[in-house]
Protein backbone atom coordinates (compact mmCIF):
# COMPACT_ATOMS: atom_id res chain seq x y z
CA MET A 1 136.68 -5.69 148.06
CA GLY A 2 137.03 -2.05 147.67
CA ALA A 3 134.56 0.11 145.78
CA ALA A 4 134.98 0.30 142.04
CA PRO A 5 136.67 3.48 140.84
CA ALA A 6 134.31 6.17 139.56
CA ALA A 7 134.09 6.57 135.80
CA PRO A 8 135.85 9.69 134.52
CA HIS A 9 133.56 12.71 133.71
CA LEU A 10 133.44 13.50 129.99
CA GLU A 11 132.09 16.85 128.74
CA THR A 12 129.35 16.52 126.17
CA PRO A 13 130.40 18.45 123.06
CA SER A 14 128.08 21.22 121.91
CA PRO A 15 126.01 20.16 118.99
CA THR A 16 127.32 21.47 115.66
CA PRO A 17 124.82 23.92 114.18
CA THR A 18 122.92 22.34 111.36
CA LEU A 19 123.58 24.17 108.12
CA ALA A 20 121.05 24.48 105.33
CA GLN A 21 122.02 23.27 101.87
CA ASP A 22 122.66 26.83 100.72
CA GLU A 23 124.83 27.72 103.74
CA SER A 24 128.49 27.38 104.67
CA SER A 25 130.31 27.94 107.92
CA VAL A 26 133.24 29.25 105.90
CA ALA A 27 133.05 32.64 104.22
CA PRO A 28 133.19 32.35 100.42
CA SER A 29 136.35 33.69 98.80
CA VAL A 30 136.36 37.26 97.51
CA ALA A 31 138.67 38.66 94.82
CA ASP A 32 141.84 40.37 95.93
CA GLY A 33 141.54 44.08 96.56
CA ILE A 34 137.78 43.98 97.29
CA PRO A 35 136.97 44.95 100.90
CA VAL A 36 134.76 42.58 102.91
CA SER A 37 132.62 43.96 105.76
CA TYR A 38 129.89 42.87 108.15
CA LEU A 39 126.92 45.16 108.54
CA ASP A 40 126.19 46.44 112.02
CA PRO A 41 122.44 45.89 112.56
CA ALA A 42 122.40 49.25 114.38
CA ALA A 43 123.34 51.13 111.21
CA PRO A 44 120.64 53.71 110.34
CA TRP A 45 119.84 52.04 107.03
CA ALA A 46 120.14 48.40 108.16
CA SER A 47 116.38 47.75 108.21
CA SER A 48 116.03 48.90 104.59
CA VAL A 49 118.06 45.84 103.46
CA GLY A 50 116.31 43.43 105.85
CA ALA A 51 119.00 43.23 108.54
CA VAL A 52 117.95 41.30 111.68
CA GLY A 53 119.78 41.97 114.92
CA GLY A 54 121.22 38.84 116.60
CA SER A 55 120.92 36.68 113.48
CA THR A 56 123.96 34.64 112.45
CA ARG A 57 122.62 33.84 108.98
CA LEU A 58 124.56 36.15 106.67
CA ARG A 59 123.64 37.06 103.12
CA ALA A 60 125.98 38.75 100.67
CA PHE A 61 125.38 42.22 99.22
CA VAL A 62 127.59 44.54 97.20
CA ALA A 63 127.92 48.16 98.34
CA ALA A 64 129.02 50.77 95.81
CA ARG A 65 130.09 54.39 96.10
CA VAL A 66 129.87 56.36 92.85
CA SER A 67 130.80 59.90 91.82
CA LEU A 68 128.27 61.60 89.51
CA ARG A 69 128.72 64.84 87.56
CA TYR A 70 125.73 66.55 85.97
CA ASP A 71 126.88 68.98 83.30
CA ASP A 72 124.74 71.10 80.97
CA SER A 73 126.64 74.15 79.78
CA ALA A 74 123.64 75.60 77.92
CA ALA A 75 121.62 75.65 81.15
CA GLY A 76 124.58 76.67 83.29
CA VAL A 77 124.45 73.43 85.31
CA ASP A 78 127.59 71.80 86.70
CA GLU A 79 126.75 69.77 89.80
CA GLY A 80 128.62 66.99 91.53
CA GLU A 81 126.93 64.29 93.59
CA GLU A 82 128.03 61.18 95.46
CA PHE A 83 125.76 58.18 95.11
CA GLU A 84 125.84 55.19 97.46
CA ALA A 85 123.78 52.03 97.23
CA VAL A 86 123.75 48.34 98.09
CA PHE A 87 122.73 45.63 95.63
CA GLY A 88 121.49 42.26 96.70
CA PRO A 89 121.15 39.85 98.22
CA LEU A 90 123.35 37.89 95.81
CA ASP A 91 121.67 34.51 96.45
CA GLY A 92 120.36 34.52 92.90
CA GLY A 93 123.22 36.47 91.30
CA ILE A 94 123.53 40.24 90.84
CA HIS A 95 120.51 42.27 89.77
CA LEU A 96 120.94 46.02 89.59
CA ASP A 97 117.20 46.49 89.95
CA SER A 98 117.69 45.31 93.54
CA GLU A 99 119.38 48.65 94.28
CA THR A 100 118.76 50.21 97.69
CA GLN A 101 120.12 53.72 97.91
CA VAL A 102 121.73 54.38 101.29
CA ASP A 103 124.15 56.81 102.90
CA TYR A 104 126.85 54.62 104.37
CA ASP A 105 130.20 55.19 106.02
CA ASP A 106 132.83 53.01 107.66
CA ARG A 107 131.11 53.17 111.06
CA ASP A 108 128.27 51.05 109.65
CA PHE A 109 130.59 48.07 109.13
CA ALA A 110 132.53 45.62 111.30
CA ALA A 111 135.63 43.76 110.18
CA ALA A 112 134.85 40.49 112.00
CA ALA A 113 131.97 38.07 111.52
CA PRO A 114 129.62 37.29 114.41
CA ALA A 115 130.26 34.04 116.29
CA GLY A 116 128.65 31.00 114.69
CA ALA A 117 128.08 32.75 111.37
CA ALA A 118 126.46 30.80 108.56
CA TYR A 119 127.03 32.22 105.08
CA VAL A 120 124.31 31.91 102.48
CA LEU A 121 126.20 30.92 99.36
CA PRO A 122 125.94 33.64 96.73
CA GLN A 123 125.41 32.82 93.07
CA ALA A 124 127.64 35.72 92.00
CA PRO A 125 131.30 34.72 91.44
CA LEU A 126 132.76 36.91 94.18
CA GLU A 127 136.16 35.26 93.88
CA GLU A 128 136.65 36.62 90.34
CA LYS A 129 138.15 40.08 89.85
CA ARG A 130 136.47 40.41 86.47
CA PHE A 131 133.07 40.10 88.16
CA PHE A 132 133.69 43.36 89.99
CA THR A 133 135.17 45.02 86.91
CA SER A 134 132.09 44.07 84.91
CA LEU A 135 129.83 45.11 87.80
CA ALA A 136 131.39 48.59 87.86
CA ARG A 137 130.64 49.01 84.13
CA ASP A 138 127.08 47.76 84.63
CA ILE A 139 126.50 50.17 87.53
CA GLN A 140 127.82 52.98 85.34
CA ARG A 141 125.38 52.13 82.51
CA HIS A 142 122.56 51.60 85.00
CA LEU A 143 122.99 55.08 86.46
CA VAL A 144 123.35 56.73 83.06
CA ASP A 145 120.02 55.19 82.03
CA ARG A 146 118.14 55.52 85.29
CA ARG A 147 119.39 58.55 87.19
CA PRO A 148 118.87 61.88 85.42
CA LEU A 149 118.95 65.02 87.54
CA GLU A 150 115.60 66.81 87.46
CA LEU A 151 115.72 70.53 88.12
CA LYS A 152 113.28 73.41 87.76
CA ARG A 153 114.02 76.02 85.14
CA ASN A 154 112.80 79.48 84.13
CA ARG A 155 114.01 80.05 80.57
CA ALA A 156 113.09 83.75 80.37
CA LEU A 157 114.94 84.58 83.59
CA LYS A 158 117.78 82.13 82.80
CA LEU A 159 117.46 80.53 86.22
CA VAL A 160 117.82 76.86 87.17
CA SER A 161 117.03 75.42 90.59
CA ARG A 162 119.81 74.06 92.75
CA PRO A 163 119.89 70.39 93.82
CA GLY A 164 117.84 70.11 97.00
CA GLU A 165 116.14 73.48 96.51
CA THR A 166 112.38 73.30 97.13
CA ASP A 167 109.84 74.33 94.51
CA GLU A 168 108.73 77.14 96.82
CA GLY A 169 112.30 78.35 97.25
CA PHE A 170 112.94 78.37 93.51
CA SER A 171 109.63 80.15 92.81
CA ALA A 172 110.58 82.83 95.36
CA ARG A 173 113.97 83.25 93.69
CA CYS A 174 112.28 83.63 90.29
CA ASP A 175 109.89 86.22 91.73
CA THR A 176 112.77 88.25 93.16
CA ALA A 177 114.60 88.17 89.83
CA ALA A 178 111.42 89.17 87.98
CA GLN A 179 110.89 92.14 90.31
CA GLU A 180 114.44 93.28 89.58
CA ARG A 181 113.73 93.10 85.82
CA ALA A 182 110.48 95.01 86.33
CA ASP A 183 112.29 97.72 88.32
CA ALA A 184 114.90 98.05 85.57
CA GLU A 185 112.19 98.40 82.91
CA THR A 186 110.30 100.96 85.03
CA ALA A 187 113.51 102.96 85.40
CA LYS A 188 113.75 103.20 81.60
CA ILE A 189 110.30 104.75 81.26
CA ARG A 190 110.72 106.94 84.34
CA ASP A 191 113.07 109.42 82.64
CA ARG A 192 110.70 109.87 79.70
CA LEU A 193 107.60 110.28 81.84
CA GLU A 194 109.27 112.49 84.43
CA ALA A 195 110.55 114.82 81.67
CA LYS A 196 107.01 115.09 80.35
CA ARG A 197 105.66 115.77 83.83
CA ASP A 198 108.28 118.47 84.45
CA ARG A 199 107.17 120.26 81.29
CA LEU A 200 103.52 120.06 82.36
CA ASP A 201 104.31 121.23 85.90
CA LYS A 202 106.16 124.25 84.52
CA ALA A 203 103.34 124.98 82.08
CA LEU A 204 100.79 124.73 84.89
CA ALA A 205 102.77 127.03 87.15
CA GLN A 206 103.14 129.56 84.33
CA ALA A 207 99.42 129.40 83.47
CA GLU A 208 98.44 129.81 87.12
CA ARG A 209 100.72 132.84 87.45
CA ARG A 210 99.13 134.31 84.32
CA VAL A 211 95.67 133.80 85.80
CA GLU A 212 96.75 135.52 88.99
CA GLU A 213 98.24 138.43 87.02
CA LEU A 214 95.11 138.81 84.92
CA GLU A 215 92.93 138.50 88.01
CA ALA A 216 94.79 141.38 89.64
CA ASP A 217 94.71 143.38 86.39
CA THR A 218 90.99 142.78 85.98
CA ARG A 219 90.24 143.92 89.55
CA SER A 220 92.36 147.04 89.07
CA ARG A 221 90.78 147.91 85.73
CA THR A 222 87.29 147.32 87.06
CA THR A 223 87.92 149.68 89.98
CA THR A 224 89.47 152.31 87.73
CA GLU A 225 86.66 151.91 85.24
CA LEU A 226 84.02 152.40 87.89
CA VAL A 227 85.67 155.49 89.32
CA ALA A 228 86.71 157.01 86.04
CA GLY A 229 83.49 156.08 84.26
CA ALA A 230 81.25 157.44 86.92
CA GLY A 231 83.28 160.62 87.15
CA ALA A 232 83.23 161.16 83.39
CA VAL A 233 79.50 160.69 83.02
CA LEU A 234 78.65 162.74 86.06
CA GLY A 235 81.12 165.40 85.04
CA ALA A 236 79.61 165.57 81.59
CA LEU A 237 76.12 165.94 82.93
CA LEU A 238 76.85 168.17 85.87
CA GLY A 239 79.77 170.15 84.62
CA GLY A 240 77.82 173.02 83.32
CA ARG A 241 76.98 173.81 79.81
CA ARG A 242 78.59 171.15 77.76
CA SER A 243 77.61 170.08 74.34
CA THR A 244 76.05 166.82 73.54
CA ARG A 245 79.13 165.99 71.50
CA SER A 246 81.47 166.46 74.47
CA MET A 247 79.22 164.47 76.76
CA ALA A 248 79.06 161.71 74.16
CA GLY A 249 82.86 161.72 74.03
CA ALA A 250 83.10 161.36 77.79
CA VAL A 251 80.66 158.47 77.76
CA SER A 252 82.55 156.90 74.84
CA GLY A 253 85.80 157.04 76.87
CA ALA A 254 84.12 155.24 79.72
CA ALA A 255 82.79 152.61 77.33
CA SER A 256 86.25 152.17 75.88
CA ARG A 257 87.65 151.53 79.32
CA ARG A 258 84.91 148.96 79.89
CA GLY A 259 85.95 147.27 76.63
CA VAL A 260 89.55 146.98 77.78
CA THR A 261 88.36 145.45 81.02
CA ALA A 262 86.18 142.98 79.11
CA ARG A 263 89.12 141.96 76.93
CA THR A 264 91.26 141.47 80.04
CA GLN A 265 88.54 139.25 81.54
CA GLU A 266 88.46 137.26 78.30
CA ARG A 267 92.21 136.72 78.45
CA LYS A 268 91.78 135.61 82.07
CA ARG A 269 89.16 133.05 81.03
CA THR A 270 91.51 131.80 78.31
CA ALA A 271 94.33 131.49 80.85
CA GLU A 272 92.01 129.63 83.23
CA GLU A 273 91.07 127.23 80.46
CA LYS A 274 94.76 126.61 79.84
CA VAL A 275 95.20 125.82 83.54
CA GLY A 276 92.31 123.36 83.31
CA ARG A 277 93.74 121.70 80.17
CA THR A 278 97.18 121.39 81.75
CA LYS A 279 95.69 119.82 84.87
CA ASP A 280 93.82 117.37 82.64
CA GLU A 281 97.06 116.50 80.85
CA LEU A 282 98.76 115.91 84.21
CA ALA A 283 95.92 113.62 85.28
CA GLU A 284 96.21 111.72 81.99
CA LEU A 285 99.97 111.43 82.46
CA GLU A 286 99.53 110.04 85.97
CA GLN A 287 97.08 107.47 84.63
CA GLU A 288 99.53 106.61 81.85
CA ILE A 289 102.25 106.04 84.45
CA LEU A 290 99.94 103.83 86.54
CA ASP A 291 98.90 101.83 83.48
CA GLU A 292 102.46 101.30 82.28
CA ILE A 293 103.71 100.27 85.72
CA ALA A 294 100.78 97.86 86.16
CA GLU A 295 101.47 96.38 82.72
CA ILE A 296 105.18 95.93 83.50
CA ASP A 297 104.42 94.30 86.86
CA GLU A 298 101.84 91.96 85.35
CA LYS A 299 104.23 90.94 82.57
CA TRP A 300 107.08 90.07 84.93
CA GLN A 301 104.79 88.30 87.39
CA ALA A 302 103.69 86.05 84.54
CA THR A 303 107.34 85.56 83.54
CA ALA A 304 108.24 84.49 87.09
CA ASP A 305 105.58 81.76 86.87
CA GLU A 306 106.95 80.28 83.62
CA ILE A 307 108.70 77.34 85.28
CA ASP A 308 109.26 73.97 83.63
CA THR A 309 111.36 70.88 84.34
CA LEU A 310 114.92 70.50 83.11
CA GLU A 311 116.29 66.96 82.91
CA VAL A 312 120.07 66.74 82.93
CA ARG A 313 121.19 63.30 81.83
CA LEU A 314 124.45 61.64 82.72
CA GLU A 315 127.06 60.56 80.22
CA ALA A 316 129.34 57.55 80.75
CA THR A 317 132.27 59.85 81.44
CA ASP A 318 130.23 61.57 84.17
CA VAL A 319 129.99 58.38 86.24
CA ARG A 320 132.98 56.98 88.21
CA VAL A 321 132.64 53.98 90.48
CA LEU A 322 134.89 54.84 93.41
CA GLU A 323 134.43 51.68 95.47
CA THR A 324 132.73 48.31 95.53
CA ARG A 325 132.76 46.09 98.61
CA VAL A 326 131.13 42.88 99.77
CA VAL A 327 128.86 43.35 102.78
CA TRP A 328 127.48 40.44 104.77
CA VAL A 329 124.07 41.28 106.20
CA PRO A 330 122.47 39.30 109.07
CA GLY A 331 118.96 38.21 108.20
CA ASN A 332 116.51 35.37 107.83
């Protein structure tokens, strides 16, 4: 008898992955018009939502992109901002407190699911369009309540910080503006004080010229007095037979000339005193200028430091939900 034919070789089928009670191998339905994406575990923000590279267990999140407009006409604020966040996972329904703010773009998502994907069944009714309509309204209210824009403000200088501007940068901007105000105020007093100084400078120059004139006059009169006086007295005594009366007259003339010289010296002392007083007034004016400038600078330095916090709150019309999408995130 010949040998029995060999039994045909049958391939052993791969075991079907065992699914947990809350998992499905079929992606749950999503309402028409709502994009569905699969998060790339290499996305920069993937770890913040618990993504695990290589995992085939997918959990549902909702990603939202929202336009915000902060408007406060009284404070001169009109700022636009784009807000992006993911909410989830949706295993227990949607909870807006589960918000994770991210900065996402299309490169963070794939269109196809990984091989062997198991979908954790969400409690949120993703198949219903009204769920996403209601979610958009809830996100709008959530952001109105929870996301005011906090800025720094200097009321006196009418300055408000810019979004993203550091406290140090805003303080420096306030200081620059305060210095400009101080310079403008100093310019106002400069004309008044400079006019006063010009008058004093002219008065001082005039007084000093008068002192010089009187100084020259005094020297000239003193010399003349000495020569003329000595000559008169000696002439009276040595000029032969002269009467006492004539000699007395000669001496009297010399004395008179000495009196004129004395009065000239007195006027010189008066002029010198005027020079001294004018110099004192100039010194006082300079101190007045220094004091006023120091006071102005101190006032505007203090003004630059008067910074408080301005909170600009959103209104419902300031919040527009631009996009919501379902994102499946690989995890545990």
